[in-house]
N, C-alpha and C. Protein backbone atom coordinates (compact mmCIF):
# COMPACT_ATOMS: atom_id res chain seq x y z
N MET A 1 114.97 97.49 134.25
CA MET A 1 114.23 97.21 133.04
C MET A 1 113.28 96.05 133.32
N HIS A 2 112.15 96.04 132.68
CA HIS A 2 111.18 94.97 132.86
C HIS A 2 111.70 93.68 132.25
N THR A 3 111.16 92.57 132.70
CA THR A 3 111.60 91.29 132.19
C THR A 3 111.19 91.08 130.74
N ASP A 4 110.09 91.65 130.31
CA ASP A 4 109.65 91.51 128.92
C ASP A 4 110.19 92.68 128.11
N GLU A 5 111.48 92.60 127.76
CA GLU A 5 112.15 93.70 127.07
C GLU A 5 111.50 94.02 125.73
N ALA A 6 111.03 93.00 124.99
CA ALA A 6 110.41 93.24 123.68
C ALA A 6 109.15 94.07 123.82
N ALA A 7 108.36 93.81 124.84
CA ALA A 7 107.11 94.55 125.04
C ALA A 7 107.40 96.00 125.42
N ASP A 8 108.57 96.24 126.04
CA ASP A 8 108.92 97.58 126.49
C ASP A 8 109.81 98.32 125.49
N SER A 9 109.98 97.79 124.29
CA SER A 9 110.78 98.48 123.29
C SER A 9 110.09 99.76 122.86
N VAL A 10 110.89 100.74 122.51
CA VAL A 10 110.37 102.03 122.06
C VAL A 10 110.17 101.99 120.55
N VAL A 11 109.05 102.55 120.11
CA VAL A 11 108.75 102.71 118.68
C VAL A 11 108.54 104.20 118.44
N LEU A 12 109.15 104.72 117.38
CA LEU A 12 108.94 106.10 116.97
C LEU A 12 107.95 106.10 115.82
N LEU A 13 106.90 106.88 115.94
CA LEU A 13 105.95 107.05 114.85
C LEU A 13 106.27 108.37 114.16
N TYR A 14 106.77 108.29 112.95
CA TYR A 14 107.11 109.47 112.16
C TYR A 14 105.87 109.89 111.39
N THR A 15 105.52 111.18 111.51
CA THR A 15 104.33 111.69 110.82
C THR A 15 104.61 113.08 110.26
N THR A 16 103.82 113.47 109.27
CA THR A 16 103.84 114.84 108.77
C THR A 16 102.43 115.41 108.89
N TRP A 17 102.36 116.72 109.12
CA TRP A 17 101.10 117.40 109.40
C TRP A 17 101.03 118.71 108.62
N PRO A 18 99.84 119.24 108.40
CA PRO A 18 99.74 120.51 107.68
C PRO A 18 100.29 121.69 108.48
N ASP A 19 100.30 121.57 109.82
CA ASP A 19 100.80 122.65 110.67
C ASP A 19 101.05 122.14 112.09
N GLY A 20 101.72 122.96 112.87
CA GLY A 20 102.05 122.57 114.23
C GLY A 20 100.84 122.41 115.13
N ALA A 21 99.81 123.20 114.90
CA ALA A 21 98.61 123.11 115.75
C ALA A 21 97.94 121.75 115.60
N ALA A 22 97.85 121.24 114.39
CA ALA A 22 97.23 119.93 114.16
C ALA A 22 98.07 118.82 114.80
N ALA A 23 99.39 118.93 114.68
CA ALA A 23 100.27 117.93 115.28
C ALA A 23 100.17 117.96 116.80
N GLU A 24 100.14 119.15 117.37
CA GLU A 24 100.04 119.26 118.83
C GLU A 24 98.70 118.77 119.35
N ALA A 25 97.63 119.05 118.64
CA ALA A 25 96.31 118.57 119.06
C ALA A 25 96.29 117.04 119.09
N ALA A 26 96.87 116.42 118.07
CA ALA A 26 96.95 114.95 118.04
C ALA A 26 97.82 114.45 119.18
N ALA A 27 98.94 115.11 119.43
CA ALA A 27 99.84 114.70 120.51
C ALA A 27 99.12 114.75 121.86
N ARG A 28 98.39 115.82 122.10
CA ARG A 28 97.68 115.95 123.38
C ARG A 28 96.61 114.86 123.54
N THR A 29 95.93 114.54 122.46
CA THR A 29 94.92 113.47 122.51
C THR A 29 95.60 112.13 122.84
N LEU A 30 96.68 111.82 122.15
CA LEU A 30 97.36 110.55 122.38
C LEU A 30 97.98 110.49 123.77
N LEU A 31 98.47 111.61 124.27
CA LEU A 31 98.96 111.64 125.66
C LEU A 31 97.83 111.39 126.64
N ASP A 32 96.69 112.05 126.44
CA ASP A 32 95.54 111.86 127.32
C ASP A 32 95.08 110.41 127.32
N GLU A 33 95.18 109.75 126.17
CA GLU A 33 94.75 108.36 126.04
C GLU A 33 95.87 107.37 126.38
N ARG A 34 97.02 107.89 126.81
CA ARG A 34 98.19 107.09 127.21
C ARG A 34 98.68 106.17 126.09
N LEU A 35 98.53 106.65 124.86
CA LEU A 35 99.03 105.89 123.71
C LEU A 35 100.46 106.27 123.35
N ILE A 36 100.92 107.42 123.83
CA ILE A 36 102.30 107.84 123.63
C ILE A 36 102.84 108.38 124.95
N ALA A 37 104.17 108.42 125.03
CA ALA A 37 104.82 109.01 126.19
C ALA A 37 105.25 110.44 125.91
N CYS A 38 105.50 110.74 124.64
CA CYS A 38 106.07 112.03 124.28
C CYS A 38 105.89 112.26 122.79
N ALA A 39 105.83 113.52 122.40
CA ALA A 39 105.85 113.88 120.97
C ALA A 39 106.87 114.99 120.78
N ASN A 40 107.63 114.90 119.71
CA ASN A 40 108.54 115.97 119.30
C ASN A 40 107.98 116.55 118.01
N ILE A 41 107.70 117.83 118.04
CA ILE A 41 107.08 118.50 116.90
C ILE A 41 108.06 119.54 116.37
N PHE A 42 108.39 119.41 115.08
CA PHE A 42 109.35 120.28 114.45
C PHE A 42 108.62 121.27 113.55
N PRO A 43 108.93 122.54 113.67
CA PRO A 43 108.20 123.55 112.89
C PRO A 43 108.35 123.36 111.40
N ALA A 44 107.55 124.09 110.70
CA ALA A 44 107.37 123.93 109.25
C ALA A 44 108.65 123.67 108.49
N GLY A 45 108.58 122.63 107.71
CA GLY A 45 109.59 122.31 106.73
C GLY A 45 108.91 122.35 105.37
N ARG A 46 109.55 121.83 104.40
CA ARG A 46 108.98 121.84 103.05
C ARG A 46 108.99 120.42 102.52
N SER A 47 107.87 119.96 102.03
CA SER A 47 107.76 118.65 101.40
C SER A 47 107.51 118.86 99.91
N VAL A 48 108.23 118.10 99.11
CA VAL A 48 108.04 118.12 97.66
C VAL A 48 107.65 116.70 97.28
N PHE A 49 106.51 116.55 96.59
CA PHE A 49 105.97 115.22 96.32
C PHE A 49 105.06 115.26 95.11
N ARG A 50 104.79 114.09 94.57
CA ARG A 50 103.85 113.98 93.46
C ARG A 50 102.51 113.53 94.01
N TRP A 51 101.44 114.25 93.66
CA TRP A 51 100.09 113.90 94.11
C TRP A 51 99.14 114.13 92.94
N ASP A 52 98.34 113.13 92.64
CA ASP A 52 97.40 113.20 91.52
C ASP A 52 98.09 113.61 90.22
N GLY A 53 99.31 113.12 90.03
CA GLY A 53 100.04 113.35 88.79
C GLY A 53 100.79 114.66 88.70
N ASP A 54 100.67 115.51 89.70
CA ASP A 54 101.36 116.80 89.68
C ASP A 54 102.36 116.89 90.83
N VAL A 55 103.48 117.56 90.58
CA VAL A 55 104.45 117.80 91.63
C VAL A 55 103.94 118.94 92.50
N GLN A 56 103.92 118.69 93.79
CA GLN A 56 103.44 119.66 94.77
C GLN A 56 104.60 120.06 95.68
N ALA A 57 104.54 121.23 96.24
CA ALA A 57 105.48 121.69 97.26
C ALA A 57 104.65 122.37 98.34
N GLU A 58 104.71 121.84 99.54
CA GLU A 58 103.86 122.35 100.63
C GLU A 58 104.67 122.48 101.91
N ALA A 59 104.29 123.44 102.72
CA ALA A 59 104.82 123.54 104.08
C ALA A 59 104.20 122.42 104.90
N GLU A 60 105.00 121.71 105.66
CA GLU A 60 104.50 120.66 106.55
C GLU A 60 105.28 120.69 107.85
N THR A 61 104.67 120.15 108.87
CA THR A 61 105.29 119.98 110.17
C THR A 61 105.57 118.51 110.37
N VAL A 62 106.75 118.19 110.86
CA VAL A 62 107.13 116.81 111.15
C VAL A 62 106.96 116.57 112.65
N ALA A 63 106.42 115.42 112.99
CA ALA A 63 106.29 115.05 114.40
C ALA A 63 106.70 113.60 114.59
N PHE A 64 107.41 113.35 115.67
CA PHE A 64 107.74 112.00 116.11
C PHE A 64 106.96 111.73 117.39
N PHE A 65 106.24 110.63 117.42
CA PHE A 65 105.50 110.21 118.59
C PHE A 65 106.22 109.01 119.19
N LYS A 66 106.61 109.09 120.46
CA LYS A 66 107.34 108.01 121.13
C LYS A 66 106.34 107.16 121.90
N THR A 67 106.35 105.87 121.59
CA THR A 67 105.42 104.96 122.24
C THR A 67 106.11 103.64 122.51
N SER A 68 105.43 102.75 123.19
CA SER A 68 105.96 101.40 123.43
C SER A 68 105.54 100.50 122.28
N LYS A 69 106.29 99.44 122.09
CA LYS A 69 105.95 98.47 121.06
C LYS A 69 104.53 97.94 121.29
N ALA A 70 104.16 97.75 122.55
CA ALA A 70 102.85 97.21 122.90
C ALA A 70 101.71 98.15 122.49
N ARG A 71 101.96 99.47 122.44
CA ARG A 71 100.90 100.44 122.14
C ARG A 71 101.02 101.05 120.75
N ALA A 72 102.04 100.66 120.00
CA ALA A 72 102.29 101.26 118.69
C ALA A 72 101.12 101.08 117.73
N GLY A 73 100.53 99.90 117.68
CA GLY A 73 99.41 99.65 116.77
C GLY A 73 98.22 100.53 117.09
N ALA A 74 97.88 100.62 118.36
CA ALA A 74 96.75 101.46 118.77
C ALA A 74 97.04 102.94 118.51
N ALA A 75 98.29 103.35 118.73
CA ALA A 75 98.65 104.75 118.48
C ALA A 75 98.57 105.07 116.99
N ARG A 76 99.02 104.15 116.14
CA ARG A 76 98.93 104.37 114.68
C ARG A 76 97.48 104.47 114.24
N THR A 77 96.64 103.60 114.76
CA THR A 77 95.22 103.64 114.42
C THR A 77 94.60 104.98 114.83
N ARG A 78 94.92 105.43 116.03
CA ARG A 78 94.35 106.69 116.53
C ARG A 78 94.88 107.88 115.73
N LEU A 79 96.17 107.87 115.39
CA LEU A 79 96.72 108.94 114.57
C LEU A 79 96.01 109.01 113.22
N THR A 80 95.72 107.86 112.64
CA THR A 80 95.01 107.83 111.36
C THR A 80 93.62 108.45 111.50
N GLU A 81 92.94 108.16 112.61
CA GLU A 81 91.61 108.74 112.85
C GLU A 81 91.67 110.26 113.03
N LEU A 82 92.72 110.75 113.67
CA LEU A 82 92.83 112.17 113.98
C LEU A 82 93.42 113.00 112.84
N HIS A 83 94.07 112.34 111.90
CA HIS A 83 94.83 113.05 110.88
C HIS A 83 93.94 113.68 109.82
N PRO A 84 94.22 114.92 109.40
CA PRO A 84 93.38 115.59 108.41
C PRO A 84 93.66 115.17 106.96
N TYR A 85 94.79 114.51 106.69
CA TYR A 85 95.12 114.13 105.31
C TYR A 85 94.34 112.89 104.88
N ASP A 86 94.04 112.79 103.58
CA ASP A 86 93.41 111.60 103.02
C ASP A 86 94.33 110.39 103.15
N GLU A 87 95.61 110.59 102.90
CA GLU A 87 96.61 109.52 102.98
C GLU A 87 97.76 109.98 103.86
N PRO A 88 97.60 109.93 105.18
CA PRO A 88 98.66 110.45 106.04
C PRO A 88 99.91 109.56 106.05
N CYS A 89 101.04 110.20 106.22
CA CYS A 89 102.30 109.49 106.42
C CYS A 89 102.42 109.17 107.90
N ILE A 90 102.31 107.90 108.24
CA ILE A 90 102.50 107.44 109.62
C ILE A 90 103.36 106.20 109.53
N LEU A 91 104.65 106.35 109.83
CA LEU A 91 105.60 105.26 109.71
C LEU A 91 106.10 104.86 111.09
N ALA A 92 106.07 103.57 111.39
CA ALA A 92 106.58 103.06 112.65
C ALA A 92 108.05 102.70 112.47
N LEU A 93 108.90 103.30 113.30
CA LEU A 93 110.33 103.08 113.24
C LEU A 93 110.80 102.48 114.56
N PRO A 94 111.30 101.25 114.55
CA PRO A 94 111.80 100.69 115.81
C PRO A 94 113.02 101.47 116.26
N ALA A 95 113.15 101.69 117.55
CA ALA A 95 114.29 102.43 118.10
C ALA A 95 115.25 101.46 118.75
N GLU A 96 116.52 101.68 118.54
CA GLU A 96 117.57 100.89 119.17
C GLU A 96 118.16 101.71 120.30
N PRO A 97 117.71 101.49 121.53
CA PRO A 97 118.24 102.31 122.63
C PRO A 97 119.70 101.97 122.91
N GLY A 98 120.47 102.98 123.27
CA GLY A 98 121.86 102.76 123.67
C GLY A 98 121.93 102.19 125.07
N LEU A 99 123.13 101.94 125.52
CA LEU A 99 123.32 101.34 126.83
C LEU A 99 122.76 102.20 127.96
N SER A 100 122.79 103.51 127.80
CA SER A 100 122.31 104.39 128.87
C SER A 100 120.83 104.71 128.76
N ALA A 101 120.11 104.06 127.84
CA ALA A 101 118.71 104.40 127.60
C ALA A 101 117.71 103.52 128.34
N ALA A 102 118.17 102.63 129.18
CA ALA A 102 117.25 101.71 129.86
C ALA A 102 116.19 102.47 130.65
N GLY A 103 116.56 103.53 131.33
CA GLY A 103 115.60 104.32 132.09
C GLY A 103 114.57 104.98 131.19
N PHE A 104 115.01 105.47 130.02
CA PHE A 104 114.10 106.09 129.07
C PHE A 104 113.10 105.08 128.55
N VAL A 105 113.56 103.89 128.18
CA VAL A 105 112.68 102.84 127.68
C VAL A 105 111.66 102.46 128.75
N GLN A 106 112.10 102.38 129.98
CA GLN A 106 111.18 102.06 131.08
C GLN A 106 110.16 103.17 131.26
N TRP A 107 110.58 104.44 131.13
CA TRP A 107 109.65 105.57 131.25
C TRP A 107 108.59 105.52 130.16
N VAL A 108 108.99 105.27 128.92
CA VAL A 108 108.03 105.16 127.81
C VAL A 108 107.02 104.06 128.10
N ALA A 109 107.52 102.91 128.54
CA ALA A 109 106.63 101.79 128.86
C ALA A 109 105.65 102.17 129.97
N SER A 110 106.13 102.85 131.00
CA SER A 110 105.22 103.19 132.12
C SER A 110 104.20 104.24 131.73
N GLU A 111 104.55 105.13 130.82
CA GLU A 111 103.62 106.19 130.39
C GLU A 111 102.56 105.68 129.42
N THR A 112 102.77 104.53 128.83
CA THR A 112 101.82 104.01 127.82
C THR A 112 101.09 102.77 128.30
N ARG A 113 101.00 102.60 129.58
CA ARG A 113 100.27 101.46 130.14
C ARG A 113 98.90 101.89 130.56
C-alpha cells in the first residue's frame, strides 16, 4: 500500500441513468480519461420519485463508478457534464476496504493516476 493511504482511498460514485447505454458511454469516457478504475452497471430498475410536483415512476439504470479519493472530485464534475439529466444523482460514498482489500485499493489508485 502507498504511504499516503488517505489519497489512495476508494470512493464509490453512485449514479442513476436513463439506460445502460448512457451509463456505459460515461464509464468508457471516464476510463479513457483515467478518472475511474472501474464501473459496475446494473440493468434497468425502477425509480419512484416526485418531480415538478408529480409522482413519477421510470425505468433507470444504476451505476457505481470506482475511483480514488484524489480523483473523485474530477470524476464527479465529468459525470455531471456527461449526464443527460437536468439534476443527476451523483453521490460520493467513501468505501471502507476490508483487510484483504489493500491490493484492490492500490489498483484503483494506480488506474486513476
